[in-house]
Amino acid sequence: MLADIAECDYRLGRLPEAQLAAEQALNQGAVVPASVVLGNVALDYYHLDDALDHYERVVREAVHGSPTGCWTPDGRRRDGAAGLSRPRRCLRPRAAGAGAHAGK
């Protein structure tokens, strides 16, 4: 829940609040979503080394079995296990006015 709040704060431009919520979420074990927000905040502040550290943590966690980011386009987990639901795709915002069927 805190990671979602952190993401919302980030998207609203509330960088200090986003960082605080993401740090709390990270401490509660939401490693991947919290690290994405922390990486985004660090990048916005041009703290490039910190941003890289956060993004590398996301990659390490995804590789080691975290369900976030480990899904194939057809909804299967990359490790072969059947997924119950697909994760939200929150890392790539849609272009303004683009709907689910835009351009089809």
Protein backbone atom coordinates (compact mmCIF):
# COMPACT_ATOMS: atom_id res chain seq x y z
CA MET A 1 0.00 0.00 0.00
CA LEU A 2 2.79 2.44 0.86
CA ALA A 3 4.48 1.73 -2.46
CA ASP A 4 1.26 2.72 -4.25
CA ILE A 5 1.07 5.93 -2.24
CA ALA A 6 4.72 6.61 -3.07
CA GLU A 7 4.03 6.14 -6.77
CA CYS A 8 1.02 8.46 -6.63
CA ASP A 9 3.04 11.10 -4.79
CA TYR A 10 5.79 10.78 -7.38
CA ARG A 11 3.38 11.15 -10.29
CA LEU A 12 1.90 14.24 -8.61
CA GLY A 13 5.37 15.76 -8.34
CA ARG A 14 5.54 15.42 -4.56
CA LEU A 15 9.11 14.13 -4.54
CA PRO A 16 9.89 14.41 -0.79
CA GLU A 17 6.63 12.65 0.12
CA ALA A 18 7.22 10.01 -2.55
CA GLN A 19 10.71 9.34 -1.24
CA LEU A 20 9.52 9.02 2.36
CA ALA A 21 6.66 6.65 1.46
CA ALA A 22 8.96 4.58 -0.78
CA GLU A 23 11.57 4.28 1.98
CA GLN A 24 8.86 3.09 4.38
CA ALA A 25 7.56 0.62 1.78
CA LEU A 26 11.09 -0.66 1.22
CA ASN A 27 11.49 -1.22 4.96
CA GLN A 28 8.23 -3.23 4.92
CA GLY A 29 9.49 -5.47 2.12
CA ALA A 30 7.99 -3.93 -1.02
CA VAL A 31 11.43 -3.96 -2.61
CA VAL A 32 10.64 -3.72 -6.32
CA PRO A 33 7.92 -1.03 -6.40
CA ALA A 34 9.62 1.04 -3.69
CA SER A 35 12.97 0.85 -5.46
CA VAL A 36 11.41 1.97 -8.74
CA VAL A 37 9.99 5.07 -7.05
CA LEU A 38 13.26 5.74 -5.22
CA GLY A 39 15.14 5.40 -8.50
CA ASN A 40 12.75 7.80 -10.22
CA VAL A 41 13.08 10.36 -7.42
CA ALA A 42 16.88 10.09 -7.45
CA LEU A 43 16.89 10.48 -11.23
CA ASP A 44 14.72 13.60 -11.01
CA TYR A 45 17.19 15.07 -8.51
CA TYR A 46 20.10 14.10 -10.84
CA HIS A 47 21.51 11.76 -8.18
CA LEU A 48 22.49 9.37 -10.93
CA ASP A 49 24.59 6.98 -8.82
CA ASP A 50 21.71 6.59 -6.35
CA ALA A 51 19.22 6.09 -9.18
CA LEU A 52 21.41 3.39 -10.69
CA ASP A 53 21.67 1.62 -7.32
CA HIS A 54 17.87 1.58 -6.94
CA TYR A 55 17.26 0.37 -10.50
CA GLU A 56 19.90 -2.35 -10.15
CA ARG A 57 18.09 -3.53 -7.00
CA VAL A 58 14.89 -3.80 -9.07
CA VAL A 59 16.68 -5.95 -11.64
CA ARG A 60 18.27 -8.18 -8.99
CA GLU A 61 14.93 -8.74 -7.26
CA ALA A 62 13.12 -9.44 -10.53
CA VAL A 63 15.77 -11.96 -11.50
CA HIS A 64 15.51 -13.71 -8.14
CA GLY A 65 11.82 -14.48 -8.43
CA SER A 66 9.89 -11.38 -7.45
CA PRO A 67 6.58 -11.57 -9.34
CA THR A 68 6.73 -7.88 -10.24
CA GLY A 69 8.31 -7.59 -13.65
CA CYS A 70 8.62 -11.36 -14.16
CA TRP A 71 5.64 -11.95 -16.43
CA THR A 72 5.59 -12.75 -20.11
CA PRO A 73 3.26 -10.82 -22.44
CA ASP A 74 0.83 -13.76 -22.49
CA GLY A 75 0.42 -13.68 -18.69
CA ARG A 76 2.69 -16.56 -17.65
CA ARG A 77 5.39 -16.22 -15.03
CA ARG A 78 8.87 -16.40 -16.51
CA ASP A 79 9.82 -19.19 -14.12
CA GLY A 80 7.05 -21.33 -15.64
CA ALA A 81 4.58 -21.08 -12.76
CA ALA A 82 1.04 -20.17 -13.65
CA GLY A 83 0.12 -16.70 -12.52
CA LEU A 84 -3.23 -15.97 -10.92
CA SER A 85 -3.32 -12.46 -12.25
CA ARG A 86 -1.13 -10.17 -14.26
CA PRO A 87 0.61 -7.30 -12.47
CA ARG A 88 -0.36 -3.71 -13.13
CA ARG A 89 1.77 -2.10 -15.78
CA CYS A 90 2.60 1.14 -14.01
CA LEU A 91 6.13 1.75 -15.25
CA ARG A 92 5.21 2.92 -18.75
CA PRO A 93 2.58 5.66 -18.71
CA ARG A 94 0.38 5.78 -21.77
CA ALA A 95 0.60 8.72 -24.10
CA ALA A 96 -2.06 11.36 -23.59
CA GLY A 97 -5.31 10.24 -25.15
CA ALA A 98 -4.09 6.69 -25.80
CA GLY A 99 -6.64 4.10 -24.82
CA ALA A 100 -6.28 0.35 -24.56
CA HIS A 101 -7.15 -0.07 -28.24
CA ALA A 102 -5.52 3.09 -29.62
CA GLY A 103 -4.00 2.57 -33.02
CA LYS A 104 -5.69 -0.78 -33.68
